[in-house]
């Protein structure tokens, strides 16, 4: 079979049902051969890494600006987890505000109380662990947080 990359490769289609072979052969012919596909994927790694680094830098900047604006304390934990924890905290708090205030029935006083509880959680790992949580669940999650997740001395209380 000749692939889109113009390489010819022999494929054994005997394992496919007879009525599916022709369609699969057409699909294979429209694709690059395995070697070309792998080479393209490996060559594209640099641009993916650059894109991801730019995305993470923008998220970090946005999370830092948000934390400063809302007087959120710095997170504690291993250096490697701090930026990730900051991004997770920002994303979860934003999702919670949308779900509870913007789209929900909470007022500013309710939200201010939740913010105070969030300020008390300074362990980056806690925020990372909650990264897949729904914003509407944040109050319950904050109430369930353990003492090891809370600031030992919180100047924001």
N, C-alpha and C. Protein backbone atom coordinates (compact mmCIF):
# COMPACT_ATOMS: atom_id res chain seq x y z
N UNK A 1 0.84 -1.17 0.00
CA UNK A 1 0.00 0.00 0.00
C UNK A 1 0.89 1.23 0.00
N UNK A 2 0.51 2.23 -0.76
CA UNK A 2 1.24 3.48 -0.78
C UNK A 2 0.54 4.46 0.15
N UNK A 3 1.31 5.02 1.09
CA UNK A 3 0.78 5.96 2.07
C UNK A 3 0.85 7.38 1.52
N UNK A 4 0.22 8.31 2.23
CA UNK A 4 0.21 9.72 1.84
C UNK A 4 1.62 10.29 1.78
N UNK A 5 2.53 9.73 2.52
CA UNK A 5 3.92 10.20 2.53
C UNK A 5 4.72 9.62 1.36
N UNK A 6 4.08 8.84 0.54
CA UNK A 6 4.62 8.18 -0.65
C UNK A 6 5.47 6.94 -0.35
N UNK A 7 5.56 6.53 0.89
CA UNK A 7 6.24 5.29 1.23
C UNK A 7 5.29 4.11 1.01
N UNK A 8 5.87 3.01 0.54
CA UNK A 8 5.07 1.81 0.34
C UNK A 8 5.35 0.84 1.49
N UNK A 9 4.27 0.35 2.09
CA UNK A 9 4.37 -0.55 3.24
C UNK A 9 3.39 -1.70 3.01
N UNK A 10 3.82 -2.91 3.35
CA UNK A 10 2.94 -4.07 3.26
C UNK A 10 2.20 -4.21 4.59
N UNK A 11 0.87 -4.25 4.53
CA UNK A 11 0.04 -4.40 5.72
C UNK A 11 -0.74 -5.71 5.61
N UNK A 12 -0.78 -6.45 6.69
CA UNK A 12 -1.56 -7.69 6.74
C UNK A 12 -2.95 -7.36 7.28
N UNK A 13 -3.94 -7.38 6.42
CA UNK A 13 -5.30 -7.05 6.82
C UNK A 13 -6.16 -8.30 7.05
N UNK A 14 -5.52 -9.46 7.08
CA UNK A 14 -6.28 -10.71 7.22
C UNK A 14 -6.99 -10.83 8.56
N UNK A 15 -6.55 -10.08 9.55
CA UNK A 15 -7.18 -10.13 10.86
C UNK A 15 -8.46 -9.30 10.93
N UNK A 16 -8.73 -8.53 9.90
CA UNK A 16 -9.94 -7.70 9.85
C UNK A 16 -11.04 -8.44 9.12
N UNK A 17 -12.28 -8.19 9.49
CA UNK A 17 -13.39 -8.81 8.75
C UNK A 17 -13.33 -8.39 7.28
N UNK A 18 -13.72 -9.27 6.41
CA UNK A 18 -13.63 -9.02 4.96
C UNK A 18 -14.34 -7.74 4.55
N UNK A 19 -15.49 -7.46 5.14
CA UNK A 19 -16.25 -6.28 4.74
C UNK A 19 -15.67 -4.98 5.28
N UNK A 20 -14.64 -5.05 6.14
CA UNK A 20 -14.00 -3.86 6.71
C UNK A 20 -12.63 -3.58 6.10
N UNK A 21 -12.09 -4.50 5.32
CA UNK A 21 -10.72 -4.36 4.81
C UNK A 21 -10.56 -3.20 3.84
N UNK A 22 -11.47 -3.06 2.90
CA UNK A 22 -11.32 -2.01 1.88
C UNK A 22 -11.35 -0.62 2.51
N UNK A 23 -12.28 -0.41 3.41
CA UNK A 23 -12.38 0.88 4.08
C UNK A 23 -11.14 1.18 4.91
N UNK A 24 -10.63 0.17 5.61
CA UNK A 24 -9.43 0.36 6.42
C UNK A 24 -8.23 0.64 5.53
N UNK A 25 -8.14 -0.04 4.40
CA UNK A 25 -7.04 0.17 3.46
C UNK A 25 -7.07 1.61 2.93
N UNK A 26 -8.26 2.13 2.60
CA UNK A 26 -8.37 3.52 2.14
C UNK A 26 -7.92 4.49 3.25
N UNK A 27 -8.34 4.19 4.49
CA UNK A 27 -7.96 5.04 5.60
C UNK A 27 -6.44 5.03 5.79
N UNK A 28 -5.83 3.84 5.75
CA UNK A 28 -4.37 3.73 5.88
C UNK A 28 -3.65 4.49 4.78
N UNK A 29 -4.15 4.38 3.57
CA UNK A 29 -3.49 5.04 2.43
C UNK A 29 -3.51 6.56 2.58
N UNK A 30 -4.50 7.09 3.25
CA UNK A 30 -4.61 8.53 3.43
C UNK A 30 -3.68 9.05 4.54
N UNK A 31 -3.09 8.15 5.30
CA UNK A 31 -2.22 8.52 6.43
C UNK A 31 -0.76 8.31 6.06
N UNK A 32 0.13 9.01 6.79
CA UNK A 32 1.56 8.75 6.65
C UNK A 32 1.87 7.37 7.21
N UNK A 33 2.96 6.77 6.72
CA UNK A 33 3.38 5.48 7.26
C UNK A 33 3.81 5.68 8.72
N UNK A 34 3.95 4.60 9.45
CA UNK A 34 4.28 4.67 10.87
C UNK A 34 5.58 5.42 11.12
N UNK A 35 6.61 5.16 10.32
CA UNK A 35 7.90 5.82 10.52
C UNK A 35 7.78 7.33 10.34
N UNK A 36 7.06 7.77 9.31
CA UNK A 36 6.89 9.20 9.07
C UNK A 36 6.03 9.84 10.15
N UNK A 37 5.00 9.12 10.58
CA UNK A 37 4.13 9.64 11.64
C UNK A 37 4.93 9.85 12.93
N UNK A 38 5.76 8.86 13.28
CA UNK A 38 6.58 8.99 14.49
C UNK A 38 7.58 10.12 14.37
N UNK A 39 8.20 10.25 13.20
CA UNK A 39 9.18 11.32 13.00
C UNK A 39 8.51 12.69 13.13
N UNK A 40 7.32 12.84 12.58
CA UNK A 40 6.58 14.11 12.67
C UNK A 40 6.20 14.40 14.12
N UNK A 41 5.73 13.38 14.82
CA UNK A 41 5.35 13.55 16.22
C UNK A 41 6.55 13.96 17.07
N UNK A 42 7.69 13.31 16.85
CA UNK A 42 8.88 13.62 17.62
C UNK A 42 9.42 15.01 17.29
N UNK A 43 9.32 15.43 16.02
CA UNK A 43 9.79 16.74 15.61
C UNK A 43 8.91 17.85 16.18
N UNK A 44 7.64 17.54 16.43
CA UNK A 44 6.69 18.54 16.91
C UNK A 44 6.78 18.75 18.42
N UNK A 45 7.56 17.96 19.10
CA UNK A 45 7.65 18.04 20.56
C UNK A 45 8.12 19.42 21.01
N UNK A 46 9.04 20.02 20.30
CA UNK A 46 9.55 21.34 20.67
C UNK A 46 8.47 22.39 20.68
N UNK A 47 7.63 22.40 19.65
CA UNK A 47 6.57 23.41 19.60
C UNK A 47 5.53 23.17 20.68
N UNK A 48 5.24 21.90 20.99
CA UNK A 48 4.30 21.60 22.08
C UNK A 48 4.86 22.09 23.41
N UNK A 49 6.15 21.85 23.62
CA UNK A 49 6.77 22.28 24.87
C UNK A 49 6.78 23.79 24.98
N UNK A 50 7.05 24.48 23.87
CA UNK A 50 7.03 25.95 23.88
C UNK A 50 5.63 26.47 24.17
N UNK A 51 4.63 25.85 23.53
CA UNK A 51 3.25 26.26 23.75
C UNK A 51 2.85 26.07 25.20
N UNK A 52 3.20 24.90 25.75
CA UNK A 52 2.86 24.60 27.14
C UNK A 52 3.57 25.55 28.10
N UNK A 53 4.83 25.85 27.84
CA UNK A 53 5.58 26.77 28.70
C UNK A 53 4.94 28.16 28.66
N UNK A 54 4.54 28.62 27.49
CA UNK A 54 3.89 29.93 27.36
C UNK A 54 2.55 29.94 28.08
N UNK A 55 1.80 28.85 27.94
CA UNK A 55 0.50 28.75 28.61
C UNK A 55 0.67 28.77 30.12
N UNK A 56 1.62 28.00 30.64
CA UNK A 56 1.87 27.95 32.08
C UNK A 56 2.34 29.31 32.61
N UNK A 57 3.17 30.00 31.84
CA UNK A 57 3.65 31.32 32.26
C UNK A 57 2.48 32.30 32.35
N UNK A 58 1.58 32.27 31.37
CA UNK A 58 0.42 33.15 31.39
C UNK A 58 -0.50 32.81 32.57
N UNK A 59 -0.71 31.52 32.82
CA UNK A 59 -1.54 31.10 33.95
C UNK A 59 -0.91 31.53 35.28
N UNK A 60 0.41 31.41 35.37
CA UNK A 60 1.12 31.79 36.59
C UNK A 60 0.96 33.29 36.84
N UNK A 61 1.12 34.08 35.80
CA UNK A 61 0.99 35.53 35.91
C UNK A 61 -0.43 35.91 36.32
N UNK A 62 -1.42 35.28 35.70
CA UNK A 62 -2.82 35.56 36.02
C UNK A 62 -3.14 35.17 37.46
N UNK A 63 -2.65 34.01 37.90
CA UNK A 63 -2.89 33.55 39.27
C UNK A 63 -2.21 34.47 40.28
N UNK A 64 -1.01 34.93 39.97
CA UNK A 64 -0.30 35.83 40.89
C UNK A 64 -1.01 37.17 41.00
N UNK A 65 -1.49 37.70 39.88
CA UNK A 65 -2.22 38.97 39.90
C UNK A 65 -3.52 38.82 40.70
N UNK A 66 -4.20 37.71 40.51
CA UNK A 66 -5.44 37.44 41.24
C UNK A 66 -5.15 37.34 42.73
N UNK A 67 -4.11 36.59 43.12
CA UNK A 67 -3.77 36.40 44.53
C UNK A 67 -3.45 37.74 45.19
N UNK A 68 -2.74 38.59 44.47
CA UNK A 68 -2.40 39.91 45.02
C UNK A 68 -3.66 40.76 45.17
N UNK A 69 -4.51 40.76 44.16
CA UNK A 69 -5.74 41.55 44.18
C UNK A 69 -6.66 41.16 45.34
N UNK A 70 -6.73 39.86 45.64
CA UNK A 70 -7.64 39.38 46.67
C UNK A 70 -6.94 39.00 47.97
N UNK A 71 -5.71 39.50 48.16
CA UNK A 71 -4.95 39.31 49.39
C UNK A 71 -4.84 37.86 49.81
N UNK A 72 -4.59 36.97 48.85
CA UNK A 72 -4.39 35.56 49.16
C UNK A 72 -2.94 35.37 49.62
N UNK A 73 -2.74 34.61 50.68
CA UNK A 73 -1.37 34.40 51.18
C UNK A 73 -0.59 33.48 50.25
N UNK A 74 0.72 33.56 50.30
CA UNK A 74 1.51 32.64 49.49
C UNK A 74 1.30 31.21 49.98
N UNK A 75 1.42 30.27 49.06
CA UNK A 75 1.24 28.86 49.42
C UNK A 75 2.55 28.29 49.93
N UNK A 76 2.44 27.21 50.67
CA UNK A 76 3.60 26.52 51.24
C UNK A 76 3.69 25.14 50.63
N UNK A 77 4.91 24.65 50.54
CA UNK A 77 5.13 23.30 50.03
C UNK A 77 6.40 23.24 49.22
N UNK A 78 6.62 22.11 48.58
CA UNK A 78 7.82 21.97 47.75
C UNK A 78 7.80 23.00 46.61
N UNK A 79 8.96 23.50 46.28
CA UNK A 79 9.09 24.52 45.22
C UNK A 79 8.38 24.10 43.94
N UNK A 80 8.50 22.83 43.61
CA UNK A 80 7.91 22.31 42.38
C UNK A 80 6.37 22.41 42.38
N UNK A 81 5.77 22.39 43.56
CA UNK A 81 4.30 22.40 43.66
C UNK A 81 3.70 23.79 43.78
N UNK A 82 4.50 24.79 44.09
CA UNK A 82 3.95 26.11 44.39
C UNK A 82 3.19 26.73 43.22
N UNK A 83 3.81 26.79 42.05
CA UNK A 83 3.13 27.40 40.89
C UNK A 83 1.87 26.63 40.53
N UNK A 84 1.95 25.31 40.56
CA UNK A 84 0.80 24.47 40.23
C UNK A 84 -0.32 24.71 41.24
N UNK A 85 0.04 24.75 42.52
CA UNK A 85 -0.94 25.01 43.55
C UNK A 85 -1.60 26.38 43.39
N UNK A 86 -0.81 27.39 43.04
CA UNK A 86 -1.35 28.74 42.81
C UNK A 86 -2.35 28.73 41.66
N UNK A 87 -2.00 28.03 40.57
CA UNK A 87 -2.91 27.94 39.42
C UNK A 87 -4.19 27.21 39.80
N UNK A 88 -4.05 26.11 40.54
CA UNK A 88 -5.23 25.34 40.95
C UNK A 88 -6.13 26.16 41.86
N UNK A 89 -5.52 26.89 42.81
CA UNK A 89 -6.31 27.72 43.71
C UNK A 89 -7.07 28.78 42.92
N UNK A 90 -6.39 29.43 42.02
CA UNK A 90 -7.03 30.47 41.21
C UNK A 90 -8.18 29.90 40.38
N UNK A 91 -7.94 28.77 39.73
CA UNK A 91 -8.97 28.17 38.89
C UNK A 91 -10.18 27.73 39.71
N UNK A 92 -9.94 27.12 40.87
CA UNK A 92 -11.04 26.65 41.69
C UNK A 92 -11.82 27.82 42.31
N UNK A 93 -11.12 28.83 42.76
CA UNK A 93 -11.80 29.99 43.33
C UNK A 93 -12.62 30.72 42.26
N UNK A 94 -12.09 30.82 41.08
CA UNK A 94 -12.82 31.46 39.98
C UNK A 94 -14.06 30.65 39.62
N UNK A 95 -13.91 29.33 39.55
CA UNK A 95 -15.05 28.46 39.26
C UNK A 95 -16.10 28.56 40.36
N UNK A 96 -15.64 28.65 41.61
CA UNK A 96 -16.57 28.76 42.73
C UNK A 96 -17.33 30.08 42.68
N UNK A 97 -16.64 31.15 42.38
CA UNK A 97 -17.31 32.46 42.30
C UNK A 97 -18.36 32.44 41.20
N UNK A 98 -18.03 31.85 40.07
CA UNK A 98 -19.00 31.75 38.97
C UNK A 98 -20.22 30.94 39.40
N UNK A 99 -19.98 29.76 39.99
CA UNK A 99 -21.08 28.87 40.36
C UNK A 99 -21.92 29.41 41.50
N UNK A 100 -21.29 30.01 42.50
CA UNK A 100 -22.01 30.39 43.71
C UNK A 100 -22.54 31.82 43.70
N UNK A 101 -21.79 32.73 43.08
CA UNK A 101 -22.19 34.14 43.10
C UNK A 101 -22.80 34.56 41.76
N UNK A 102 -22.02 34.44 40.69
CA UNK A 102 -22.49 34.91 39.38
C UNK A 102 -23.72 34.15 38.89
N UNK A 103 -23.69 32.83 39.02
CA UNK A 103 -24.80 32.01 38.54
C UNK A 103 -25.68 31.50 39.68
N UNK A 104 -25.20 31.63 40.90
CA UNK A 104 -25.93 31.11 42.06
C UNK A 104 -26.63 32.21 42.83
N UNK A 105 -26.94 31.92 44.07
CA UNK A 105 -27.72 32.85 44.89
C UNK A 105 -26.91 33.50 46.01
N UNK A 106 -25.62 33.30 46.01
CA UNK A 106 -24.79 33.86 47.07
C UNK A 106 -24.65 35.37 46.91
N UNK A 107 -24.57 36.04 48.07
CA UNK A 107 -24.28 37.46 48.08
C UNK A 107 -22.81 37.68 48.41
N UNK A 108 -22.42 38.92 48.44
CA UNK A 108 -21.01 39.26 48.71
C UNK A 108 -20.57 38.85 50.12
N UNK A 109 -21.48 38.90 51.08
CA UNK A 109 -21.11 38.51 52.45
C UNK A 109 -20.79 37.02 52.51
N UNK A 110 -21.60 36.20 51.82
CA UNK A 110 -21.32 34.76 51.77
C UNK A 110 -19.97 34.51 51.13
N UNK A 111 -19.72 35.22 50.04
CA UNK A 111 -18.46 35.03 49.32
C UNK A 111 -17.27 35.47 50.16
N UNK A 112 -17.41 36.57 50.89
CA UNK A 112 -16.32 37.06 51.74
C UNK A 112 -15.96 36.01 52.80
N UNK A 113 -16.97 35.33 53.33
CA UNK A 113 -16.73 34.27 54.31
C UNK A 113 -15.95 33.10 53.69
N UNK A 114 -16.33 32.73 52.48
CA UNK A 114 -15.62 31.65 51.78
C UNK A 114 -14.18 32.07 51.49
N UNK A 115 -13.97 33.31 51.09
CA UNK A 115 -12.60 33.80 50.83
C UNK A 115 -11.73 33.68 52.08
N UNK A 116 -12.29 34.02 53.23
CA UNK A 116 -11.53 33.92 54.48
C UNK A 116 -11.12 32.47 54.74
N UNK A 117 -12.04 31.55 54.51
CA UNK A 117 -11.71 30.14 54.70
C UNK A 117 -10.63 29.71 53.71
N UNK A 118 -10.70 30.20 52.48
CA UNK A 118 -9.70 29.85 51.47
C UNK A 118 -8.33 30.40 51.83
N UNK A 119 -8.29 31.59 52.41
CA UNK A 119 -7.01 32.19 52.81
C UNK A 119 -6.30 31.33 53.85
N UNK A 120 -7.07 30.61 54.64
CA UNK A 120 -6.47 29.79 55.70
C UNK A 120 -5.79 28.53 55.16
N UNK A 121 -6.13 28.12 53.94
CA UNK A 121 -5.55 26.90 53.36
C UNK A 121 -4.32 27.32 52.55
N UNK A 122 -3.16 27.03 53.11
CA UNK A 122 -1.92 27.49 52.46
C UNK A 122 -1.06 26.35 51.93
N UNK A 123 -1.48 25.12 52.11
CA UNK A 123 -0.68 24.00 51.59
C UNK A 123 -0.98 23.83 50.11
N UNK A 124 0.02 24.02 49.26
CA UNK A 124 -0.14 23.92 47.81
C UNK A 124 -0.73 22.57 47.42
N UNK A 125 -0.30 21.52 48.07
CA UNK A 125 -0.79 20.18 47.75
C UNK A 125 -2.29 20.02 47.92
N UNK A 126 -2.86 20.74 48.90
CA UNK A 126 -4.32 20.67 49.10
C UNK A 126 -5.03 21.22 47.87
N UNK A 127 -4.58 22.36 47.38
CA UNK A 127 -5.21 22.96 46.20
C UNK A 127 -5.02 22.08 44.97
N UNK A 128 -3.86 21.47 44.85
CA UNK A 128 -3.61 20.57 43.72
C UNK A 128 -4.55 19.37 43.80
N UNK A 129 -4.73 18.84 45.00
CA UNK A 129 -5.62 17.69 45.18
C UNK A 129 -7.06 18.01 44.80
N UNK A 130 -7.45 19.26 44.92
CA UNK A 130 -8.84 19.67 44.62
C UNK A 130 -9.01 20.15 43.17
N UNK A 131 -8.00 20.02 42.34
CA UNK A 131 -8.02 20.61 40.99
C UNK A 131 -9.18 20.17 40.11
N UNK A 132 -9.73 18.99 40.35
CA UNK A 132 -10.84 18.50 39.53
C UNK A 132 -12.20 18.72 40.19
N UNK A 133 -12.22 19.40 41.31
CA UNK A 133 -13.47 19.61 42.04
C UNK A 133 -14.34 20.64 41.33
N UNK A 134 -15.62 20.55 41.59
CA UNK A 134 -16.57 21.54 41.08
C UNK A 134 -16.50 22.78 41.96
N UNK A 135 -16.63 23.95 41.37
CA UNK A 135 -16.59 25.18 42.13
C UNK A 135 -17.67 25.24 43.20
N UNK A 136 -18.82 24.66 42.92
CA UNK A 136 -19.93 24.67 43.88
C UNK A 136 -19.63 23.83 45.12
N UNK A 137 -18.62 22.99 45.08
CA UNK A 137 -18.25 22.14 46.21
C UNK A 137 -17.17 22.76 47.11
N UNK A 138 -16.69 23.94 46.74
CA UNK A 138 -15.53 24.49 47.44
C UNK A 138 -15.77 24.72 48.93
N UNK A 139 -16.91 25.23 49.31
CA UNK A 139 -17.17 25.49 50.73
C UNK A 139 -17.06 24.20 51.54
N UNK A 140 -17.66 23.13 51.05
CA UNK A 140 -17.59 21.85 51.75
C UNK A 140 -16.15 21.33 51.83
N UNK A 141 -15.41 21.51 50.76
CA UNK A 141 -14.01 21.08 50.74
C UNK A 141 -13.17 21.88 51.74
N UNK A 142 -13.39 23.18 51.78
CA UNK A 142 -12.65 24.02 52.72
C UNK A 142 -12.96 23.64 54.16
N UNK A 143 -14.23 23.34 54.45
CA UNK A 143 -14.62 22.94 55.80
C UNK A 143 -13.99 21.59 56.19
N UNK A 144 -13.77 20.75 55.19
CA UNK A 144 -13.21 19.42 55.47
C UNK A 144 -11.68 19.41 55.54
N UNK A 145 -11.04 20.50 55.16
CA UNK A 145 -9.57 20.55 55.16
C UNK A 145 -9.03 20.33 56.57
N UNK A 146 -7.93 19.61 56.63
CA UNK A 146 -7.32 19.30 57.92
C UNK A 146 -6.40 20.39 58.42
N UNK A 147 -5.96 20.26 59.65
CA UNK A 147 -5.06 21.25 60.25
C UNK A 147 -3.73 21.36 59.51
N UNK A 148 -3.26 20.25 58.93
CA UNK A 148 -1.98 20.31 58.21
C UNK A 148 -2.10 21.11 56.92
N UNK A 149 -3.32 21.36 56.46
CA UNK A 149 -3.53 22.14 55.24
C UNK A 149 -3.63 23.63 55.53
N UNK A 150 -3.81 23.98 56.78
CA UNK A 150 -4.04 25.36 57.17
C UNK A 150 -2.73 26.05 57.55
N UNK A 151 -2.75 27.37 57.42
CA UNK A 151 -1.59 28.16 57.81
C UNK A 151 -1.38 28.05 59.32
N UNK A 152 -0.14 27.95 59.70
CA UNK A 152 0.14 27.89 61.13
C UNK A 152 -0.06 29.26 61.76
N UNK A 153 0.27 30.28 61.01
CA UNK A 153 0.07 31.65 61.49
C UNK A 153 -0.46 32.44 60.30
N UNK A 154 -1.73 32.77 60.30
CA UNK A 154 -2.36 33.43 59.16
C UNK A 154 -2.55 34.91 59.47
N UNK A 155 -1.77 35.79 58.85
CA UNK A 155 -1.90 37.24 59.12
C UNK A 155 -3.17 37.82 58.50
N UNK A 156 -3.90 37.03 57.72
CA UNK A 156 -5.08 37.54 57.02
C UNK A 156 -6.37 37.32 57.82
N UNK A 157 -6.30 36.71 58.97
CA UNK A 157 -7.51 36.44 59.79
C UNK A 157 -7.91 37.66 60.57
